[in-house]
Amino acid sequence: MVNVGINQTSAILRAPYNVFQSVPSSYEWAEATMREVVALSQKIGANLTEEDVASFRPILHNMSPNGKTSMLQDVEAGRKTEVEYLAGTVIELGKKYGVSTPINEQLYKIIRIMEDMKTH
């Protein structure tokens, strides 16, 4: 859930942790992405909750402000990301269980475009 939210949004924003620590709208976007995983988890029996989303806030605020997610590091280095594993899985399971995943669908498209731009 956390990786789906923070890794993908940080890669697109090219944002280290300090952006999520200091710009509320950036973290709200990451949390909205996590909530799609929460909704999906209810259908598959993992039963994540809003409390699980909220529990990452204090962890994030204790991370090094200049630290970067692995996906951001991949984007900066021009490497293929884990978007298939993250958003790709969320989208696939969303279709299977009838859960809307519009944020992950957009993140998937954007990150794939970013990857394609590096190869052309």
PDB file of N, CA and C in Angstrom:
ATOM      1  N   MET A   1       0.825  -1.191   0.000  1.00  0.00           N
ATOM      2  CA  MET A   1       0.000   0.000   0.000  1.00  0.00           C
ATOM      3  C   MET A   1       0.870   1.256   0.000  1.00  0.00           C
ATOM      4  N   VAL A   2       1.850   1.310   0.883  1.00  0.00           N
ATOM      5  CA  VAL A   2       2.709   2.484   0.980  1.00  0.00           C
ATOM      6  C   VAL A   2       3.523   2.659  -0.298  1.00  0.00           C
ATOM      7  N   ASN A   3       4.115   1.580  -0.785  1.00  0.00           N
ATOM      8  CA  ASN A   3       4.914   1.686  -2.009  1.00  0.00           C
ATOM      9  C   ASN A   3       4.071   2.125  -3.197  1.00  0.00           C
ATOM     10  N   VAL A   4       2.860   1.626  -3.293  1.00  0.00           N
ATOM     11  CA  VAL A   4       1.970   2.036  -4.378  1.00  0.00           C
ATOM     12  C   VAL A   4       1.738   3.542  -4.315  1.00  0.00           C
ATOM     13  N   GLY A   5       1.564   4.071  -3.128  1.00  0.00           N
ATOM     14  CA  GLY A   5       1.278   5.492  -2.986  1.00  0.00           C
ATOM     15  C   GLY A   5       2.485   6.390  -3.123  1.00  0.00           C
ATOM     16  N   ILE A   6       3.510   6.125  -2.350  1.00  0.00           N
ATOM     17  CA  ILE A   6       4.630   7.070  -2.284  1.00  0.00           C
ATOM     18  C   ILE A   6       5.629   6.876  -3.424  1.00  0.00           C
ATOM     19  N   ASN A   7       5.912   5.645  -3.813  1.00  0.00           N
ATOM     20  CA  ASN A   7       6.915   5.428  -4.863  1.00  0.00           C
ATOM     21  C   ASN A   7       6.476   6.032  -6.194  1.00  0.00           C
ATOM     22  N   GLN A   8       5.260   5.760  -6.575  1.00  0.00           N
ATOM     23  CA  GLN A   8       4.802   6.200  -7.887  1.00  0.00           C
ATOM     24  C   GLN A   8       4.638   7.713  -7.950  1.00  0.00           C
ATOM     25  N   THR A   9       4.059   8.304  -6.927  1.00  0.00           N
ATOM     26  CA  THR A   9       3.876   9.753  -6.945  1.00  0.00           C
ATOM     27  C   THR A   9       5.218  10.471  -6.856  1.00  0.00           C
ATOM     28  N   SER A  10       6.143   9.930  -6.090  1.00  0.00           N
ATOM     29  CA  SER A  10       7.465  10.572  -5.998  1.00  0.00           C
ATOM     30  C   SER A  10       8.192  10.504  -7.330  1.00  0.00           C
ATOM     31  N   ALA A  11       8.025   9.402  -8.062  1.00  0.00           N
ATOM     32  CA  ALA A  11       8.683   9.262  -9.358  1.00  0.00           C
ATOM     33  C   ALA A  11       8.162  10.296 -10.350  1.00  0.00           C
ATOM     34  N   ILE A  12       6.868  10.490 -10.371  1.00  0.00           N
ATOM     35  CA  ILE A  12       6.286  11.453 -11.309  1.00  0.00           C
ATOM     36  C   ILE A  12       6.622  12.885 -10.918  1.00  0.00           C
ATOM     37  N   LEU A  13       6.561  13.173  -9.632  1.00  0.00           N
ATOM     38  CA  LEU A  13       6.880  14.522  -9.159  1.00  0.00           C
ATOM     39  C   LEU A  13       8.383  14.772  -9.092  1.00  0.00           C
ATOM     40  N   ARG A  14       9.155  13.686  -9.197  1.00  0.00           N
ATOM     41  CA  ARG A  14      10.615  13.759  -9.014  1.00  0.00           C
ATOM     42  C   ARG A  14      10.912  14.397  -7.660  1.00  0.00           C
ATOM     43  N   ALA A  15      10.183  13.880  -6.666  1.00  0.00           N
ATOM     44  CA  ALA A  15      10.180  14.494  -5.344  1.00  0.00           C
ATOM     45  C   ALA A  15      10.823  13.608  -4.285  1.00  0.00           C
ATOM     46  N   PRO A  16      11.834  14.140  -3.577  1.00  0.00           N
ATOM     47  CA  PRO A  16      12.352  13.436  -2.403  1.00  0.00           C
ATOM     48  C   PRO A  16      11.335  13.553  -1.261  1.00  0.00           C
ATOM     49  N   TYR A  17      11.628  12.896  -0.169  1.00  0.00           N
ATOM     50  CA  TYR A  17      10.670  12.851   0.943  1.00  0.00           C
ATOM     51  C   TYR A  17      10.290  14.231   1.463  1.00  0.00           C
ATOM     52  N   ASN A  18      11.203  15.222   1.380  1.00  0.00           N
ATOM     53  CA  ASN A  18      10.867  16.533   1.940  1.00  0.00           C
ATOM     54  C   ASN A  18       9.652  17.155   1.267  1.00  0.00           C
ATOM     55  N   VAL A  19       9.409  16.822   0.004  1.00  0.00           N
ATOM     56  CA  VAL A  19       8.222  17.353  -0.671  1.00  0.00           C
ATOM     57  C   VAL A  19       6.962  16.807   0.006  1.00  0.00           C
ATOM     58  N   PHE A  20       6.960  15.524   0.303  1.00  0.00           N
ATOM     59  CA  PHE A  20       5.796  14.908   0.948  1.00  0.00           C
ATOM     60  C   PHE A  20       5.675  15.342   2.412  1.00  0.00           C
ATOM     61  N   GLN A  21       6.797  15.718   3.007  1.00  0.00           N
ATOM     62  CA  GLN A  21       6.793  16.194   4.385  1.00  0.00           C
ATOM     63  C   GLN A  21       6.305  17.639   4.502  1.00  0.00           C
ATOM     64  N   SER A  22       6.462  18.419   3.427  1.00  0.00           N
ATOM     65  CA  SER A  22       6.184  19.848   3.535  1.00  0.00           C
ATOM     66  C   SER A  22       5.103  20.382   2.590  1.00  0.00           C
ATOM     67  N   VAL A  23       4.715  19.606   1.600  1.00  0.00           N
ATOM     68  CA  VAL A  23       3.691  20.063   0.644  1.00  0.00           C
ATOM     69  C   VAL A  23       2.463  19.164   0.814  1.00  0.00           C
ATOM     70  N   PRO A  24       1.472  19.626   1.560  1.00  0.00           N
ATOM     71  CA  PRO A  24       0.313  18.771   1.867  1.00  0.00           C
ATOM     72  C   PRO A  24      -0.358  18.152   0.642  1.00  0.00           C
ATOM     73  N   SER A  25      -0.470  18.883  -0.433  1.00  0.00           N
ATOM     74  CA  SER A  25      -1.157  18.333  -1.609  1.00  0.00           C
ATOM     75  C   SER A  25      -0.411  17.144  -2.204  1.00  0.00           C
ATOM     76  N   SER A  26       0.897  17.122  -2.088  1.00  0.00           N
ATOM     77  CA  SER A  26       1.646  15.979  -2.619  1.00  0.00           C
ATOM     78  C   SER A  26       1.346  14.725  -1.800  1.00  0.00           C
ATOM     79  N   TYR A  27       1.306  14.882  -0.490  1.00  0.00           N
ATOM     80  CA  TYR A  27       1.020  13.715   0.346  1.00  0.00           C
ATOM     81  C   TYR A  27      -0.442  13.294   0.230  1.00  0.00           C
ATOM     82  N   GLU A  28      -1.334  14.251   0.031  1.00  0.00           N
ATOM     83  CA  GLU A  28      -2.751  13.900  -0.175  1.00  0.00           C
ATOM     84  C   GLU A  28      -2.902  13.023  -1.416  1.00  0.00           C
ATOM     85  N   TRP A  29      -2.129  13.316  -2.472  1.00  0.00           N
ATOM     86  CA  TRP A  29      -2.169  12.507  -3.697  1.00  0.00           C
ATOM     87  C   TRP A  29      -1.656  11.094  -3.417  1.00  0.00           C
ATOM     88  N   ALA A  30      -0.562  10.992  -2.683  1.00  0.00           N
ATOM     89  CA  ALA A  30      -0.030   9.678  -2.320  1.00  0.00           C
ATOM     90  C   ALA A  30      -1.053   8.892  -1.493  1.00  0.00           C
ATOM     91  N   GLU A  31      -1.693   9.556  -0.546  1.00  0.00           N
ATOM     92  CA  GLU A  31      -2.697   8.876   0.280  1.00  0.00           C
ATOM     93  C   GLU A  31      -3.905   8.437  -0.545  1.00  0.00           C
ATOM     94  N   ALA A  32      -4.325   9.254  -1.480  1.00  0.00           N
ATOM     95  CA  ALA A  32      -5.455   8.870  -2.340  1.00  0.00           C
ATOM     96  C   ALA A  32      -5.110   7.616  -3.130  1.00  0.00           C
ATOM     97  N   THR A  33      -3.867   7.529  -3.562  1.00  0.00           N
ATOM     98  CA  THR A  33      -3.406   6.344  -4.283  1.00  0.00           C
ATOM     99  C   THR A  33      -3.440   5.129  -3.361  1.00  0.00           C
ATOM    100  N   MET A  34      -3.022   5.311  -2.117  1.00  0.00           N
ATOM    101  CA  MET A  34      -3.053   4.223  -1.123  1.00  0.00           C
ATOM    102  C   MET A  34      -4.485   3.768  -0.852  1.00  0.00           C
ATOM    103  N   ARG A  35      -5.412   4.705  -0.866  1.00  0.00           N
ATOM    104  CA  ARG A  35      -6.811   4.353  -0.578  1.00  0.00           C
ATOM    105  C   ARG A  35      -7.398   3.408  -1.627  1.00  0.00           C
ATOM    106  N   GLU A  36      -6.909   3.475  -2.849  1.00  0.00           N
ATOM    107  CA  GLU A  36      -7.359   2.501  -3.852  1.00  0.00           C
ATOM    108  C   GLU A  36      -6.932   1.094  -3.440  1.00  0.00           C
ATOM    109  N   VAL A  37      -5.751   0.977  -2.862  1.00  0.00           N
ATOM    110  CA  VAL A  37      -5.281  -0.321  -2.369  1.00  0.00           C
ATOM    111  C   VAL A  37      -6.130  -0.767  -1.177  1.00  0.00           C
ATOM    112  N   VAL A  38      -6.479   0.173  -0.302  1.00  0.00           N
ATOM    113  CA  VAL A  38      -7.333  -0.145   0.842  1.00  0.00           C
ATOM    114  C   VAL A  38      -8.676  -0.693   0.353  1.00  0.00           C
ATOM    115  N   ALA A  39      -9.288  -0.017  -0.611  1.00  0.00           N
ATOM    116  CA  ALA A  39     -10.582  -0.480  -1.144  1.00  0.00           C
ATOM    117  C   ALA A  39     -10.445  -1.872  -1.748  1.00  0.00           C
ATOM    118  N   LEU A  40      -9.376  -2.094  -2.465  1.00  0.00           N
ATOM    119  CA  LEU A  40      -9.128  -3.406  -3.059  1.00  0.00           C
ATOM    120  C   LEU A  40      -8.913  -4.465  -1.981  1.00  0.00           C
ATOM    121  N   SER A  41      -8.208  -4.103  -0.937  1.00  0.00           N
ATOM    122  CA  SER A  41      -7.917  -5.058   0.145  1.00  0.00           C
ATOM    123  C   SER A  41      -9.188  -5.555   0.824  1.00  0.00           C
ATOM    124  N   GLN A  42     -10.202  -4.719   0.865  1.00  0.00           N
ATOM    125  CA  GLN A  42     -11.469  -5.122   1.468  1.00  0.00           C
ATOM    126  C   GLN A  42     -12.121  -6.250   0.668  1.00  0.00           C
ATOM    127  N   LYS A  43     -11.919  -6.231  -0.636  1.00  0.00           N
ATOM    128  CA  LYS A  43     -12.503  -7.258  -1.504  1.00  0.00           C
ATOM    129  C   LYS A  43     -11.739  -8.572  -1.454  1.00  0.00           C
ATOM    130  N   ILE A  44     -10.425  -8.509  -1.201  1.00  0.00           N
ATOM    131  CA  ILE A  44      -9.627  -9.730  -1.253  1.00  0.00           C
ATOM    132  C   ILE A  44      -9.306 -10.296   0.122  1.00  0.00           C
ATOM    133  N   GLY A  45      -9.780  -9.615   1.177  1.00  0.00           N
ATOM    134  CA  GLY A  45      -9.628 -10.150   2.522  1.00  0.00           C
ATOM    135  C   GLY A  45      -8.397  -9.687   3.281  1.00  0.00           C
ATOM    136  N   ALA A  46      -7.640  -8.755   2.738  1.00  0.00           N
ATOM    137  CA  ALA A  46      -6.478  -8.234   3.472  1.00  0.00           C
ATOM    138  C   ALA A  46      -6.918  -7.198   4.506  1.00  0.00           C
ATOM    139  N   ASN A  47      -8.055  -6.560   4.249  1.00  0.00           N
ATOM    140  CA  ASN A  47      -8.715  -5.666   5.195  1.00  0.00           C
ATOM    141  C   ASN A  47      -7.855  -4.533   5.739  1.00  0.00           C
ATOM    142  N   LEU A  48      -7.146  -3.845   4.839  1.00  0.00           N
ATOM    143  CA  LEU A  48      -6.466  -2.620   5.243  1.00  0.00           C
ATOM    144  C   LEU A  48      -7.525  -1.565   5.539  1.00  0.00           C
ATOM    145  N   THR A  49      -7.138  -0.553   6.321  1.00  0.00           N
ATOM    146  CA  THR A  49      -8.092   0.481   6.734  1.00  0.00           C
ATOM    147  C   THR A  49      -7.480   1.872   6.573  1.00  0.00           C
ATOM    148  N   GLU A  50      -8.298   2.868   6.810  1.00  0.00           N
ATOM    149  CA  GLU A  50      -7.831   4.253   6.807  1.00  0.00           C
ATOM    150  C   GLU A  50      -6.747   4.443   7.871  1.00  0.00           C
ATOM    151  N   GLU A  51      -6.829   3.712   8.957  1.00  0.00           N
ATOM    152  CA  GLU A  51      -5.792   3.790   9.995  1.00  0.00           C
ATOM    153  C   GLU A  51      -4.444   3.324   9.454  1.00  0.00           C
ATOM    154  N   ASP A  52      -4.463   2.347   8.564  1.00  0.00           N
ATOM    155  CA  ASP A  52      -3.216   1.890   7.947  1.00  0.00           C
ATOM    156  C   ASP A  52      -2.608   2.989   7.086  1.00  0.00           C
ATOM    157  N   VAL A  53      -3.462   3.710   6.368  1.00  0.00           N
ATOM    158  CA  VAL A  53      -2.974   4.838   5.567  1.00  0.00           C
ATOM    159  C   VAL A  53      -2.367   5.888   6.498  1.00  0.00           C
ATOM    160  N   ALA A  54      -3.086   6.246   7.543  1.00  0.00           N
ATOM    161  CA  ALA A  54      -2.632   7.279   8.480  1.00  0.00           C
ATOM    162  C   ALA A  54      -1.371   6.870   9.230  1.00  0.00           C
ATOM    163  N   SER A  55      -1.177   5.581   9.433  1.00  0.00           N
ATOM    164  CA  SER A  55      -0.027   5.126  10.224  1.00  0.00           C
ATOM    165  C   SER A  55       1.309   5.400   9.536  1.00  0.00           C
ATOM    166  N   PHE A  56       1.296   5.675   8.229  1.00  0.00           N
ATOM    167  CA  PHE A  56       2.549   5.958   7.544  1.00  0.00           C
ATOM    168  C   PHE A  56       3.007   7.406   7.724  1.00  0.00           C
ATOM    169  N   ARG A  57       2.088   8.295   8.066  1.00  0.00           N
ATOM    170  CA  ARG A  57       2.454   9.718   8.201  1.00  0.00           C
ATOM    171  C   ARG A  57       3.626   9.949   9.149  1.00  0.00           C
ATOM    172  N   PRO A  58       3.572   9.422  10.383  1.00  0.00           N
ATOM    173  CA  PRO A  58       4.715   9.680  11.286  1.00  0.00           C
ATOM    174  C   PRO A  58       6.014   9.029  10.792  1.00  0.00           C
ATOM    175  N   ILE A  59       5.908   7.911  10.125  1.00  0.00           N
ATOM    176  CA  ILE A  59       7.098   7.255   9.572  1.00  0.00           C
ATOM    177  C   ILE A  59       7.709   8.157   8.505  1.00  0.00           C
ATOM    178  N   LEU A  60       6.881   8.673   7.622  1.00  0.00           N
ATOM    179  CA  LEU A  60       7.356   9.559   6.565  1.00  0.00           C
ATOM    180  C   LEU A  60       8.068  10.779   7.144  1.00  0.00           C
ATOM    181  N   HIS A  61       7.511  11.346   8.189  1.00  0.00           N
ATOM    182  CA  HIS A  61       8.085  12.562   8.763  1.00  0.00           C
ATOM    183  C   HIS A  61       9.397  12.302   9.499  1.00  0.00           C
ATOM    184  N   ASN A  62       9.713  11.048   9.746  1.00  0.00           N
ATOM    185  CA  ASN A  62      10.988  10.706  10.362  1.00  0.00           C
ATOM    186  C   ASN A  62      12.038  10.283   9.329  1.00  0.00           C
ATOM    187  N   MET A  63      11.666  10.251   8.060  1.00  0.00           N
ATOM    188  CA  MET A  63      12.606   9.862   7.014  1.00  0.00           C
ATOM    189  C   MET A  63      13.482  11.054   6.641  1.00  0.00           C
ATOM    190  N   SER A  64      14.657  10.752   6.124  1.00  0.00           N
ATOM    191  CA  SER A  64      15.579  11.805   5.699  1.00  0.00           C
ATOM    192  C   SER A  64      14.913  12.672   4.640  1.00  0.00           C
ATOM    193  N   PRO A  65      14.843  13.985   4.846  1.00  0.00           N
ATOM    194  CA  PRO A  65      14.180  14.864   3.884  1.00  0.00           C
ATOM    195  C   PRO A  65      14.726  14.743   2.465  1.00  0.00           C
ATOM    196  N   ASN A  66      15.994  14.466   2.327  1.00  0.00           N
ATOM    197  CA  ASN A  66      16.598  14.358   1.007  1.00  0.00           C
ATOM    198  C   ASN A  66      16.560  12.941   0.452  1.00  0.00           C
ATOM    199  N   GLY A  67      15.994  12.002   1.228  1.00  0.00           N
ATOM    200  CA  GLY A  67      15.893  10.622   0.778  1.00  0.00           C
ATOM    201  C   GLY A  67      14.940  10.502  -0.403  1.00  0.00           C
ATOM    202  N   LYS A  68      15.178   9.473  -1.197  1.00  0.00           N
ATOM    203  CA  LYS A  68      14.363   9.253  -2.395  1.00  0.00           C
ATOM    204  C   LYS A  68      13.872   7.822  -2.436  1.00  0.00           C
ATOM    205  N   THR A  69      12.660   7.655  -2.964  1.00  0.00           N
ATOM    206  CA  THR A  69      12.132   6.302  -3.135  1.00  0.00           C
ATOM    207  C   THR A  69      12.937   5.579  -4.213  1.00  0.00           C
ATOM    208  N   SER A  70      12.833   4.265  -4.203  1.00  0.00           N
ATOM    209  CA  SER A  70      13.548   3.471  -5.210  1.00  0.00           C
ATOM    210  C   SER A  70      13.044   3.782  -6.615  1.00  0.00           C
ATOM    211  N   MET A  71      11.758   4.056  -6.750  1.00  0.00           N
ATOM    212  CA  MET A  71      11.223   4.344  -8.080  1.00  0.00           C
ATOM    213  C   MET A  71      11.735   5.691  -8.589  1.00  0.00           C
ATOM    214  N   LEU A  72      11.840   6.665  -7.728  1.00  0.00           N
ATOM    215  CA  LEU A  72      12.416   7.942  -8.132  1.00  0.00           C
ATOM    216  C   LEU A  72      13.870   7.740  -8.561  1.00  0.00           C
ATOM    217  N   GLN A  73      14.610   6.946  -7.812  1.00  0.00           N
ATOM    218  CA  GLN A  73      15.993   6.667  -8.183  1.00  0.00           C
ATOM    219  C   GLN A  73      16.065   5.973  -9.549  1.00  0.00           C
ATOM    220  N   ASP A  74      15.132   5.065  -9.804  1.00  0.00           N
ATOM    221  CA  ASP A  74      15.093   4.387 -11.109  1.00  0.00           C
ATOM    222  C   ASP A  74      14.823   5.388 -12.232  1.00  0.00           C
ATOM    223  N   VAL A  75      13.857   6.270 -12.025  1.00  0.00           N
ATOM    224  CA  VAL A  75      13.524   7.275 -13.039  1.00  0.00           C
ATOM    225  C   VAL A  75      14.729   8.171 -13.303  1.00  0.00           C
ATOM    226  N   GLU A  76      15.368   8.634 -12.254  1.00  0.00           N
ATOM    227  CA  GLU A  76      16.525   9.517 -12.420  1.00  0.00           C
ATOM    228  C   GLU A  76      17.675   8.824 -13.151  1.00  0.00           C
ATOM    229  N   ALA A  77      17.815   7.521 -12.938  1.00  0.00           N
ATOM    230  CA  ALA A  77      18.898   6.763 -13.574  1.00  0.00           C
ATOM    231  C   ALA A  77      18.515   6.234 -14.950  1.00  0.00           C
ATOM    232  N   GLY A  78      17.263   6.456 -15.358  1.00  0.00           N
ATOM    233  CA  GLY A  78      16.817   5.976 -16.659  1.00  0.00           C
ATOM    234  C   GLY A  78      16.560   4.482 -16.706  1.00  0.00           C
ATOM    235  N   ARG A  79      16.342   3.873 -15.543  1.00  0.00           N
ATOM    236  CA  ARG A  79      16.070   2.434 -15.478  1.00  0.00           C
ATOM    237  C   ARG A  79      14.571   2.163 -15.547  1.00  0.00           C
ATOM    238  N   LYS A  80      14.230   0.958 -15.939  1.00  0.00           N
ATOM    239  CA  LYS A  80      12.838   0.508 -15.908  1.00  0.00           C
ATOM    240  C   LYS A  80      12.387   0.496 -14.443  1.00  0.00           C
ATOM    241  N   THR A  81      11.171   0.919 -14.214  1.00  0.00           N
ATOM    242  CA  THR A  81      10.645   0.982 -12.844  1.00  0.00           C
ATOM    243  C   THR A  81       9.834  -0.270 -12.521  1.00  0.00           C
ATOM    244  N   GLU A  82       9.330  -0.298 -11.309  1.00  0.00           N
ATOM    245  CA  GLU A  82       8.480  -1.386 -10.843  1.00  0.00           C
ATOM    246  C   GLU A  82       6.994  -1.072 -11.025  1.00  0.00           C
ATOM    247  N   VAL A  83       6.657  -0.201 -11.970  1.00  0.00           N
ATOM    248  CA  VAL A  83       5.272   0.210 -12.175  1.00  0.00           C
ATOM    249  C   VAL A  83       4.366  -0.972 -12.526  1.00  0.00           C
ATOM    250  N   GLU A  84       4.876  -1.945 -13.251  1.00  0.00           N
ATOM    251  CA  GLU A  84       4.065  -3.133 -13.587  1.00  0.00           C
ATOM    252  C   GLU A  84       3.646  -3.852 -12.316  1.00  0.00           C
ATOM    253  N   TYR A  85       4.595  -3.993 -11.409  1.00  0.00           N
ATOM    254  CA  TYR A  85       4.344  -4.687 -10.148  1.00  0.00           C
ATOM    255  C   TYR A  85       3.407  -3.894  -9.241  1.00  0.00           C
ATOM    256  N   LEU A  86       3.563  -2.585  -9.225  1.00  0.00           N
ATOM    257  CA  LEU A  86       2.745  -1.759  -8.337  1.00  0.00           C
ATOM    258  C   LEU A  86       1.402  -1.416  -8.992  1.00  0.00           C
ATOM    259  N   ALA A  87       1.367  -0.402  -9.822  1.00  0.00           N
ATOM    260  CA  ALA A  87       0.101   0.012 -10.436  1.00  0.00           C
ATOM    261  C   ALA A  87      -0.482  -1.081 -11.308  1.00  0.00           C
ATOM    262  N   GLY A  88       0.366  -1.804 -12.031  1.00  0.00           N
ATOM    263  CA  GLY A  88      -0.134  -2.874 -12.898  1.00  0.00           C
ATOM    264  C   GLY A  88      -0.930  -3.910 -12.126  1.00  0.00           C
ATOM    265  N   THR A  89      -0.420  -4.300 -10.977  1.00  0.00           N
ATOM    266  CA  THR A  89      -1.123  -5.276 -10.134  1.00  0.00           C
ATOM    267  C   THR A  89      -2.415  -4.699  -9.577  1.00  0.00           C
ATOM    268  N   VAL A  90      -2.363  -3.449  -9.101  1.00  0.00           N
ATOM    269  CA  VAL A  90      -3.565  -2.804  -8.562  1.00  0.00           C
ATOM    270  C   VAL A  90      -4.648  -2.730  -9.641  1.00  0.00           C
ATOM    271  N   ILE A  91      -4.277  -2.336 -10.838  1.00  0.00           N
ATOM    272  CA  ILE A  91      -5.240  -2.222 -11.943  1.00  0.00           C
ATOM    273  C   ILE A  91      -5.836  -3.587 -12.272  1.00  0.00           C
ATOM    274  N   GLU A  92      -4.981  -4.587 -12.387  1.00  0.00           N
ATOM    275  CA  GLU A  92      -5.442  -5.946 -12.715  1.00  0.00           C
ATOM    276  C   GLU A  92      -6.412  -6.469 -11.660  1.00  0.00           C
ATOM    277  N   LEU A  93      -6.051  -6.320 -10.391  1.00  0.00           N
ATOM    278  CA  LEU A  93      -6.926  -6.789  -9.313  1.00  0.00           C
ATOM    279  C   LEU A  93      -8.193  -5.944  -9.227  1.00  0.00           C
ATOM    280  N   GLY A  94      -8.078  -4.667  -9.510  1.00  0.00           N
ATOM    281  CA  GLY A  94      -9.257  -3.800  -9.518  1.00  0.00           C
ATOM    282  C   GLY A  94     -10.274  -4.274 -10.531  1.00  0.00           C
ATOM    283  N   LYS A  95      -9.813  -4.623 -11.724  1.00  0.00           N
ATOM    284  CA  LYS A  95     -10.726  -5.143 -12.757  1.00  0.00           C
ATOM    285  C   LYS A  95     -11.337  -6.465 -12.317  1.00  0.00           C
ATOM    286  N   LYS A  96     -10.513  -7.314 -11.728  1.00  0.00           N
ATOM    287  CA  LYS A  96     -10.985  -8.629 -11.296  1.00  0.00           C
ATOM    288  C   LYS A  96     -12.064  -8.525 -10.213  1.00  0.00           C
ATOM    289  N   TYR A  97     -11.888  -7.580  -9.288  1.00  0.00           N
ATOM    290  CA  TYR A  97     -12.796  -7.482  -8.142  1.00  0.00           C
ATOM    291  C   TYR A  97     -13.771  -6.309  -8.224  1.00  0.00           C
ATOM    292  N   GLY A  98     -13.803  -5.624  -9.349  1.00  0.00           N
ATOM    293  CA  GLY A  98     -14.761  -4.538  -9.513  1.00  0.00           C
ATOM    294  C   GLY A  98     -14.470  -3.315  -8.659  1.00  0.00           C
ATOM    295  N   VAL A  99     -13.197  -3.007  -8.464  1.00  0.00           N
ATOM    296  CA  VAL A  99     -12.791  -1.839  -7.683  1.00  0.00           C
ATOM    297  C   VAL A  99     -12.184  -0.810  -8.639  1.00  0.00           C
ATOM    298  N   SER A 100     -12.683   0.402  -8.585  1.00  0.00           N
ATOM    299  CA  SER A 100     -12.185   1.475  -9.432  1.00  0.00           C
ATOM    300  C   SER A 100     -10.784   1.891  -8.988  1.00  0.00           C
ATOM    301  N   THR A 101      -9.867   2.006  -9.954  1.00  0.00           N
ATOM    302  CA  THR A 101      -8.484   2.383  -9.641  1.00  0.00           C
ATOM    303  C   THR A 101      -7.990   3.497 -10.578  1.00  0.00           C
ATOM    304  N   PRO A 102      -8.724   4.592 -10.677  1.00  0.00           N
ATOM    305  CA  PRO A 102      -8.358   5.627 -11.653  1.00  0.00           C
ATOM    306  C   PRO A 102      -7.007   6.287 -11.406  1.00  0.00           C
ATOM    307  N   ILE A 103      -6.624   6.447 -10.162  1.00  0.00           N
ATOM    308  CA  ILE A 103      -5.339   7.098  -9.895  1.00  0.00           C
ATOM    309  C   ILE A 103      -4.204   6.181 -10.337  1.00  0.00           C
ATOM    310  N   ASN A 104      -4.276   4.916  -9.967  1.00  0.00           N
ATOM    311  CA  ASN A 104      -3.245   3.977 -10.385  1.00  0.00           C
ATOM    312  C   ASN A 104      -3.202   3.820 -11.895  1.00  0.00           C
ATOM    313  N   GLU A 105      -4.353   3.893 -12.543  1.00  0.00           N
ATOM    314  CA  GLU A 105      -4.376   3.809 -14.005  1.00  0.00           C
ATOM    315  C   GLU A 105      -3.631   4.978 -14.625  1.00  0.00           C
ATOM    316  N   GLN A 106      -3.816   6.175 -14.090  1.00  0.00           N
ATOM    317  CA  GLN A 106      -3.110   7.340 -14.611  1.00  0.00           C
ATOM    318  C   GLN A 106      -1.617   7.286 -14.287  1.00  0.00           C
ATOM    319  N   LEU A 107      -1.289   6.883 -13.068  1.00  0.00           N
ATOM    320  CA  LEU A 107       0.122   6.756 -12.700  1.00  0.00           C
ATOM    321  C   LEU A 107       0.822   5.753 -13.616  1.00  0.00           C
ATOM    322  N   TYR A 108       0.158   4.653 -13.882  1.00  0.00           N
ATOM    323  CA  TYR A 108       0.716   3.629 -14.762  1.00  0.00           C
ATOM    324  C   TYR A 108       1.022   4.217 -16.140  1.00  0.00           C
ATOM    325  N   LYS A 109       0.048   4.930 -16.695  1.00  0.00           N
ATOM    326  CA  LYS A 109       0.235   5.515 -18.029  1.00  0.00           C
ATOM    327  C   LYS A 109       1.380   6.526 -18.033  1.00  0.00           C
ATOM    328  N   ILE A 110       1.410   7.391 -17.048  1.00  0.00           N
ATOM    329  CA  ILE A 110       2.437   8.432 -17.005  1.00  0.00           C
ATOM    330  C   ILE A 110       3.831   7.827 -16.849  1.00  0.00           C
ATOM    331  N   ILE A 111       3.965   6.888 -15.935  1.00  0.00           N
ATOM    332  CA  ILE A 111       5.282   6.292 -15.701  1.00  0.00           C
ATOM    333  C   ILE A 111       5.741   5.482 -16.907  1.00  0.00           C
ATOM    334  N   ARG A 112       4.821   4.788 -17.556  1.00  0.00           N
ATOM    335  CA  ARG A 112       5.194   4.057 -18.777  1.00  0.00           C
ATOM    336  C   ARG A 112       5.642   5.025 -19.871  1.00  0.00           C
ATOM    337  N   ILE A 113       4.984   6.165 -19.987  1.00  0.00           N
ATOM    338  CA  ILE A 113       5.405   7.180 -20.956  1.00  0.00           C
ATOM    339  C   ILE A 113       6.805   7.686 -20.593  1.00  0.00           C
ATOM    340  N   MET A 114       7.038   7.934 -19.322  1.00  0.00           N
ATOM    341  CA  MET A 114       8.359   8.389 -18.883  1.00  0.00           C
ATOM    342  C   MET A 114       9.433   7.358 -19.249  1.00  0.00           C
ATOM    343  N   GLU A 115       9.123   6.077 -19.050  1.00  0.00           N
ATOM    344  CA  GLU A 115      10.072   5.018 -19.403  1.00  0.00           C
ATOM    345  C   GLU A 115      10.296   4.992 -20.923  1.00  0.00           C
ATOM    346  N   ASP A 116       9.217   5.094 -21.684  1.00  0.00           N
ATOM    347  CA  ASP A 116       9.333   5.080 -23.144  1.00  0.00           C
ATOM    348  C   ASP A 116      10.137   6.271 -23.660  1.00  0.00           C
ATOM    349  N   MET A 117      10.005   7.401 -23.008  1.00  0.00           N
ATOM    350  CA  MET A 117      10.747   8.591 -23.430  1.00  0.00           C
ATOM    351  C   MET A 117      12.260   8.378 -23.270  1.00  0.00           C
ATOM    352  N   LYS A 118      12.639   7.587 -22.285  1.00  0.00           N
ATOM    353  CA  LYS A 118      14.051   7.325 -22.052  1.00  0.00           C
ATOM    354  C   LYS A 118      14.642   6.428 -23.129  1.00  0.00           C
ATOM    355  N   THR A 119      13.801   5.614 -23.775  1.00  0.00           N
ATOM    356  CA  THR A 119      14.298   4.666 -24.783  1.00  0.00           C
ATOM    357  C   THR A 119      14.214   5.211 -26.190  1.00  0.00           C
ATOM    358  N   HIS A 120      13.628   6.375 -26.361  1.00  0.00           N
ATOM    359  CA  HIS A 120      13.492   6.948 -27.715  1.00  0.00           C
ATOM    360  C   HIS A 120      14.203   8.261 -27.860  1.00  0.00           C
TER     361      HIS A 120
END
